Amino acid sequence: MLMEAVRLAGGTDRAKVVEALNKINGLAVSNGTASFSASKRLLVEPRNLAMFEYVKNDKNQVALQIAK
């Protein structure tokens, strides 16, 4: 998203990049679309994050589980 803002701003001038960020709406990203505004600064809400770990199960197979 930052790269798109720099592209839209035509350079790395901070004020222009911030202005460009605030205009981004519906940018195609790997997991859907993203928007950015002065009131919405997070692309991923913390409540939607999880940590995973690889563990060996009772059959000695590697499995992925949510970390405790």
PDB file of N, CA and C in Angstrom:
ATOM      1  N   MET A   1       0.820  -1.167   0.000  1.00  0.00           N
ATOM      2  CA  MET A   1       0.000   0.000   0.000  1.00  0.00           C
ATOM      3  C   MET A   1       0.881   1.254   0.000  1.00  0.00           C
ATOM      4  N   LEU A   2       1.970   1.188   0.738  1.00  0.00           N
ATOM      5  CA  LEU A   2       2.884   2.324   0.755  1.00  0.00           C
ATOM      6  C   LEU A   2       3.479   2.561  -0.621  1.00  0.00           C
ATOM      7  N   MET A   3       3.839   1.511  -1.311  1.00  0.00           N
ATOM      8  CA  MET A   3       4.392   1.659  -2.663  1.00  0.00           C
ATOM      9  C   MET A   3       3.371   2.302  -3.601  1.00  0.00           C
ATOM     10  N   GLU A   4       2.120   1.938  -3.470  1.00  0.00           N
ATOM     11  CA  GLU A   4       1.068   2.547  -4.288  1.00  0.00           C
ATOM     12  C   GLU A   4       0.937   4.030  -3.954  1.00  0.00           C
ATOM     13  N   ALA A   5       1.020   4.369  -2.682  1.00  0.00           N
ATOM     14  CA  ALA A   5       0.925   5.778  -2.279  1.00  0.00           C
ATOM     15  C   ALA A   5       2.106   6.576  -2.836  1.00  0.00           C
ATOM     16  N   VAL A   6       3.305   6.000  -2.807  1.00  0.00           N
ATOM     17  CA  VAL A   6       4.483   6.678  -3.362  1.00  0.00           C
ATOM     18  C   VAL A   6       4.295   6.868  -4.866  1.00  0.00           C
ATOM     19  N   ARG A   7       3.771   5.855  -5.525  1.00  0.00           N
ATOM     20  CA  ARG A   7       3.521   5.961  -6.965  1.00  0.00           C
ATOM     21  C   ARG A   7       2.508   7.081  -7.256  1.00  0.00           C
ATOM     22  N   LEU A   8       1.418   7.089  -6.507  1.00  0.00           N
ATOM     23  CA  LEU A   8       0.398   8.114  -6.704  1.00  0.00           C
ATOM     24  C   LEU A   8       0.914   9.514  -6.375  1.00  0.00           C
ATOM     25  N   ALA A   9       1.788   9.599  -5.368  1.00  0.00           N
ATOM     26  CA  ALA A   9       2.335  10.884  -4.948  1.00  0.00           C
ATOM     27  C   ALA A   9       3.415  11.390  -5.903  1.00  0.00           C
ATOM     28  N   GLY A  10       3.925  10.496  -6.736  1.00  0.00           N
ATOM     29  CA  GLY A  10       4.974  10.891  -7.667  1.00  0.00           C
ATOM     30  C   GLY A  10       6.326  11.069  -7.006  1.00  0.00           C
ATOM     31  N   GLY A  11       6.497  10.477  -5.838  1.00  0.00           N
ATOM     32  CA  GLY A  11       7.771  10.582  -5.128  1.00  0.00           C
ATOM     33  C   GLY A  11       7.567  10.282  -3.651  1.00  0.00           C
ATOM     34  N   THR A  12       8.574  10.597  -2.859  1.00  0.00           N
ATOM     35  CA  THR A  12       8.542  10.239  -1.446  1.00  0.00           C
ATOM     36  C   THR A  12       8.328  11.424  -0.514  1.00  0.00           C
ATOM     37  N   ASP A  13       7.875  12.545  -1.039  1.00  0.00           N
ATOM     38  CA  ASP A  13       7.557  13.688  -0.185  1.00  0.00           C
ATOM     39  C   ASP A  13       6.495  13.254   0.820  1.00  0.00           C
ATOM     40  N   ARG A  14       6.800  13.403   2.111  1.00  0.00           N
ATOM     41  CA  ARG A  14       5.943  12.886   3.173  1.00  0.00           C
ATOM     42  C   ARG A  14       4.499  13.379   3.071  1.00  0.00           C
ATOM     43  N   ALA A  15       4.308  14.657   2.915  1.00  0.00           N
ATOM     44  CA  ALA A  15       2.954  15.212   2.860  1.00  0.00           C
ATOM     45  C   ALA A  15       2.178  14.664   1.667  1.00  0.00           C
ATOM     46  N   LYS A  16       2.842  14.530   0.532  1.00  0.00           N
ATOM     47  CA  LYS A  16       2.172  14.014  -0.662  1.00  0.00           C
ATOM     48  C   LYS A  16       1.839  12.534  -0.512  1.00  0.00           C
ATOM     49  N   VAL A  17       2.732  11.772   0.138  1.00  0.00           N
ATOM     50  CA  VAL A  17       2.470  10.345   0.352  1.00  0.00           C
ATOM     51  C   VAL A  17       1.294  10.168   1.306  1.00  0.00           C
ATOM     52  N   VAL A  18       1.239  10.953   2.377  1.00  0.00           N
ATOM     53  CA  VAL A  18       0.113  10.870   3.314  1.00  0.00           C
ATOM     54  C   VAL A  18      -1.189  11.222   2.595  1.00  0.00           C
ATOM     55  N   GLU A  19      -1.155  12.249   1.784  1.00  0.00           N
ATOM     56  CA  GLU A  19      -2.337  12.639   1.014  1.00  0.00           C
ATOM     57  C   GLU A  19      -2.772  11.510   0.074  1.00  0.00           C
ATOM     58  N   ALA A  20      -1.811  10.882  -0.577  1.00  0.00           N
ATOM     59  CA  ALA A  20      -2.114   9.768  -1.484  1.00  0.00           C
ATOM     60  C   ALA A  20      -2.656   8.570  -0.714  1.00  0.00           C
ATOM     61  N   LEU A  21      -2.086   8.266   0.454  1.00  0.00           N
ATOM     62  CA  LEU A  21      -2.578   7.155   1.271  1.00  0.00           C
ATOM     63  C   LEU A  21      -4.050   7.355   1.608  1.00  0.00           C
ATOM     64  N   ASN A  22      -4.395   8.566   1.982  1.00  0.00           N
ATOM     65  CA  ASN A  22      -5.775   8.843   2.376  1.00  0.00           C
ATOM     66  C   ASN A  22      -6.751   8.758   1.215  1.00  0.00           C
ATOM     67  N   LYS A  23      -6.252   8.737   0.002  1.00  0.00           N
ATOM     68  CA  LYS A  23      -7.122   8.625  -1.177  1.00  0.00           C
ATOM     69  C   LYS A  23      -7.265   7.184  -1.668  1.00  0.00           C
ATOM     70  N   ILE A  24      -6.443   6.276  -1.159  1.00  0.00           N
ATOM     71  CA  ILE A  24      -6.504   4.883  -1.618  1.00  0.00           C
ATOM     72  C   ILE A  24      -7.776   4.235  -1.098  1.00  0.00           C
ATOM     73  N   ASN A  25      -8.531   3.663  -2.013  1.00  0.00           N
ATOM     74  CA  ASN A  25      -9.785   3.013  -1.657  1.00  0.00           C
ATOM     75  C   ASN A  25      -9.989   1.817  -2.579  1.00  0.00           C
ATOM     76  N   GLY A  26     -10.099   0.632  -2.003  1.00  0.00           N
ATOM     77  CA  GLY A  26     -10.354  -0.567  -2.791  1.00  0.00           C
ATOM     78  C   GLY A  26      -9.146  -1.087  -3.550  1.00  0.00           C
ATOM     79  N   LEU A  27      -7.958  -0.879  -3.009  1.00  0.00           N
ATOM     80  CA  LEU A  27      -6.732  -1.382  -3.633  1.00  0.00           C
ATOM     81  C   LEU A  27      -6.711  -2.913  -3.567  1.00  0.00           C
ATOM     82  N   ALA A  28      -6.468  -3.572  -4.693  1.00  0.00           N
ATOM     83  CA  ALA A  28      -6.403  -5.038  -4.719  1.00  0.00           C
ATOM     84  C   ALA A  28      -5.134  -5.501  -4.015  1.00  0.00           C
ATOM     85  N   VAL A  29      -5.306  -6.329  -2.986  1.00  0.00           N
ATOM     86  CA  VAL A  29      -4.189  -6.920  -2.240  1.00  0.00           C
ATOM     87  C   VAL A  29      -4.389  -8.427  -2.194  1.00  0.00           C
ATOM     88  N   SER A  30      -3.432  -9.137  -1.627  1.00  0.00           N
ATOM     89  CA  SER A  30      -3.454 -10.596  -1.671  1.00  0.00           C
ATOM     90  C   SER A  30      -4.680 -11.228  -1.025  1.00  0.00           C
ATOM     91  N   ASN A  31      -5.265 -10.579  -0.046  1.00  0.00           N
ATOM     92  CA  ASN A  31      -6.415 -11.176   0.632  1.00  0.00           C
ATOM     93  C   ASN A  31      -7.712 -10.399   0.409  1.00  0.00           C
ATOM     94  N   GLY A  32      -7.801  -9.680  -0.701  1.00  0.00           N
ATOM     95  CA  GLY A  32      -9.024  -8.947  -1.009  1.00  0.00           C
ATOM     96  C   GLY A  32      -8.722  -7.531  -1.445  1.00  0.00           C
ATOM     97  N   THR A  33      -9.409  -6.583  -0.857  1.00  0.00           N
ATOM     98  CA  THR A  33      -9.165  -5.179  -1.163  1.00  0.00           C
ATOM     99  C   THR A  33      -8.863  -4.425   0.123  1.00  0.00           C
ATOM    100  N   ALA A  34      -8.133  -3.330  -0.022  1.00  0.00           N
ATOM    101  CA  ALA A  34      -7.753  -2.544   1.152  1.00  0.00           C
ATOM    102  C   ALA A  34      -8.033  -1.076   0.894  1.00  0.00           C
ATOM    103  N   SER A  35      -8.387  -0.398   1.953  1.00  0.00           N
ATOM    104  CA  SER A  35      -8.596   1.048   1.911  1.00  0.00           C
ATOM    105  C   SER A  35      -7.852   1.656   3.085  1.00  0.00           C
ATOM    106  N   PHE A  36      -7.560   2.927   2.985  1.00  0.00           N
ATOM    107  CA  PHE A  36      -6.804   3.617   4.015  1.00  0.00           C
ATOM    108  C   PHE A  36      -7.396   4.999   4.164  1.00  0.00           C
ATOM    109  N   SER A  37      -7.531   5.474   5.380  1.00  0.00           N
ATOM    110  CA  SER A  37      -8.048   6.831   5.601  1.00  0.00           C
ATOM    111  C   SER A  37      -7.499   7.352   6.917  1.00  0.00           C
ATOM    112  N   ALA A  38      -7.775   8.602   7.199  1.00  0.00           N
ATOM    113  CA  ALA A  38      -7.319   9.200   8.445  1.00  0.00           C
ATOM    114  C   ALA A  38      -7.915   8.489   9.657  1.00  0.00           C
ATOM    115  N   SER A  39      -9.088   7.885   9.497  1.00  0.00           N
ATOM    116  CA  SER A  39      -9.723   7.190  10.617  1.00  0.00           C
ATOM    117  C   SER A  39      -9.471   5.685  10.613  1.00  0.00           C
ATOM    118  N   LYS A  40      -8.959   5.136   9.539  1.00  0.00           N
ATOM    119  CA  LYS A  40      -8.682   3.688   9.456  1.00  0.00           C
ATOM    120  C   LYS A  40      -7.248   3.492   9.025  1.00  0.00           C
ATOM    121  N   ARG A  41      -6.384   3.240   9.991  1.00  0.00           N
ATOM    122  CA  ARG A  41      -4.952   3.137   9.729  1.00  0.00           C
ATOM    123  C   ARG A  41      -4.436   1.702   9.700  1.00  0.00           C
ATOM    124  N   LEU A  42      -5.260   0.731  10.056  1.00  0.00           N
ATOM    125  CA  LEU A  42      -4.818  -0.661  10.090  1.00  0.00           C
ATOM    126  C   LEU A  42      -5.440  -1.449   8.941  1.00  0.00           C
ATOM    127  N   LEU A  43      -4.617  -2.190   8.220  1.00  0.00           N
ATOM    128  CA  LEU A  43      -5.155  -3.057   7.171  1.00  0.00           C
ATOM    129  C   LEU A  43      -5.704  -4.344   7.763  1.00  0.00           C
ATOM    130  N   VAL A  44      -5.093  -4.798   8.851  1.00  0.00           N
ATOM    131  CA  VAL A  44      -5.527  -6.015   9.526  1.00  0.00           C
ATOM    132  C   VAL A  44      -5.817  -5.649  10.977  1.00  0.00           C
ATOM    133  N   GLU A  45      -7.000  -5.969  11.430  1.00  0.00           N
ATOM    134  CA  GLU A  45      -7.361  -5.701  12.822  1.00  0.00           C
ATOM    135  C   GLU A  45      -6.665  -6.717  13.728  1.00  0.00           C
ATOM    136  N   PRO A  46      -6.125  -6.288  14.864  1.00  0.00           N
ATOM    137  CA  PRO A  46      -5.433  -7.211  15.771  1.00  0.00           C
ATOM    138  C   PRO A  46      -6.272  -8.417  16.165  1.00  0.00           C
ATOM    139  N   ARG A  47      -7.579  -8.245  16.291  1.00  0.00           N
ATOM    140  CA  ARG A  47      -8.433  -9.385  16.682  1.00  0.00           C
ATOM    141  C   ARG A  47      -8.485 -10.472  15.608  1.00  0.00           C
ATOM    142  N   ASN A  48      -8.054 -10.140  14.378  1.00  0.00           N
ATOM    143  CA  ASN A  48      -8.067 -11.102  13.278  1.00  0.00           C
ATOM    144  C   ASN A  48      -6.732 -11.790  13.074  1.00  0.00           C
ATOM    145  N   LEU A  49      -5.783 -11.540  13.954  1.00  0.00           N
ATOM    146  CA  LEU A  49      -4.460 -12.147  13.848  1.00  0.00           C
ATOM    147  C   LEU A  49      -4.340 -13.359  14.756  1.00  0.00           C
ATOM    148  N   ALA A  50      -3.543 -14.310  14.352  1.00  0.00           N
ATOM    149  CA  ALA A  50      -3.272 -15.480  15.179  1.00  0.00           C
ATOM    150  C   ALA A  50      -1.844 -15.948  14.917  1.00  0.00           C
ATOM    151  N   MET A  51      -1.252 -16.541  15.902  1.00  0.00           N
ATOM    152  CA  MET A  51       0.090 -17.124  15.761  1.00  0.00           C
ATOM    153  C   MET A  51      -0.083 -18.626  15.614  1.00  0.00           C
ATOM    154  N   PHE A  52       0.661 -19.203  14.696  1.00  0.00           N
ATOM    155  CA  PHE A  52       0.613 -20.643  14.475  1.00  0.00           C
ATOM    156  C   PHE A  52       1.971 -21.246  14.752  1.00  0.00           C
ATOM    157  N   GLU A  53       1.971 -22.524  15.078  1.00  0.00           N
ATOM    158  CA  GLU A  53       3.227 -23.234  15.293  1.00  0.00           C
ATOM    159  C   GLU A  53       3.109 -24.642  14.717  1.00  0.00           C
ATOM    160  N   TYR A  54       4.245 -25.160  14.294  1.00  0.00           N
ATOM    161  CA  TYR A  54       4.299 -26.543  13.819  1.00  0.00           C
ATOM    162  C   TYR A  54       4.610 -27.433  15.012  1.00  0.00           C
ATOM    163  N   VAL A  55       3.861 -28.513  15.157  1.00  0.00           N
ATOM    164  CA  VAL A  55       4.064 -29.469  16.247  1.00  0.00           C
ATOM    165  C   VAL A  55       3.966 -30.884  15.686  1.00  0.00           C
ATOM    166  N   LYS A  56       4.534 -31.827  16.395  1.00  0.00           N
ATOM    167  CA  LYS A  56       4.381 -33.234  16.019  1.00  0.00           C
ATOM    168  C   LYS A  56       3.215 -33.803  16.807  1.00  0.00           C
ATOM    169  N   ASN A  57       2.313 -34.481  16.095  1.00  0.00           N
ATOM    170  CA  ASN A  57       1.165 -35.069  16.774  1.00  0.00           C
ATOM    171  C   ASN A  57       1.533 -36.448  17.306  1.00  0.00           C
ATOM    172  N   ASP A  58       0.558 -37.155  17.849  1.00  0.00           N
ATOM    173  CA  ASP A  58       0.818 -38.466  18.458  1.00  0.00           C
ATOM    174  C   ASP A  58       1.250 -39.528  17.449  1.00  0.00           C
ATOM    175  N   LYS A  59       1.089 -39.269  16.150  1.00  0.00           N
ATOM    176  CA  LYS A  59       1.537 -40.200  15.108  1.00  0.00           C
ATOM    177  C   LYS A  59       2.872 -39.753  14.518  1.00  0.00           C
ATOM    178  N   ASN A  60       3.532 -38.820  15.198  1.00  0.00           N
ATOM    179  CA  ASN A  60       4.827 -38.280  14.787  1.00  0.00           C
ATOM    180  C   ASN A  60       4.748 -37.538  13.444  1.00  0.00           C
ATOM    181  N   GLN A  61       3.567 -37.023  13.150  1.00  0.00           N
ATOM    182  CA  GLN A  61       3.378 -36.228  11.942  1.00  0.00           C
ATOM    183  C   GLN A  61       3.425 -34.747  12.323  1.00  0.00           C
ATOM    184  N   VAL A  62       3.922 -33.946  11.418  1.00  0.00           N
ATOM    185  CA  VAL A  62       3.970 -32.512  11.665  1.00  0.00           C
ATOM    186  C   VAL A  62       2.599 -31.907  11.356  1.00  0.00           C
ATOM    187  N   ALA A  63       2.102 -31.110  12.279  1.00  0.00           N
ATOM    188  CA  ALA A  63       0.793 -30.475  12.118  1.00  0.00           C
ATOM    189  C   ALA A  63       0.919 -28.997  12.478  1.00  0.00           C
ATOM    190  N   LEU A  64       0.037 -28.221  11.932  1.00  0.00           N
ATOM    191  CA  LEU A  64       0.006 -26.791  12.199  1.00  0.00           C
ATOM    192  C   LEU A  64      -1.147 -26.532  13.180  1.00  0.00           C
ATOM    193  N   GLN A  65      -0.860 -25.806  14.269  1.00  0.00           N
ATOM    194  CA  GLN A  65      -1.909 -25.492  15.229  1.00  0.00           C
ATOM    195  C   GLN A  65      -1.768 -24.050  15.696  1.00  0.00           C
ATOM    196  N   ILE A  66      -2.847 -23.517  16.222  1.00  0.00           N
ATOM    197  CA  ILE A  66      -2.792 -22.158  16.767  1.00  0.00           C
ATOM    198  C   ILE A  66      -1.922 -22.198  18.023  1.00  0.00           C
ATOM    199  N   ALA A  67      -0.968 -21.276  18.098  1.00  0.00           N
ATOM    200  CA  ALA A  67      -0.055 -21.224  19.238  1.00  0.00           C
ATOM    201  C   ALA A  67      -0.830 -20.836  20.495  1.00  0.00           C
ATOM    202  N   LYS A  68      -0.389 -21.368  21.592  1.00  0.00           N
ATOM    203  CA  LYS A  68      -1.044 -21.081  22.888  1.00  0.00           C
ATOM    204  C   LYS A  68      -0.379 -19.916  23.562  1.00  0.00           C
TER     205      LYS A  68
END
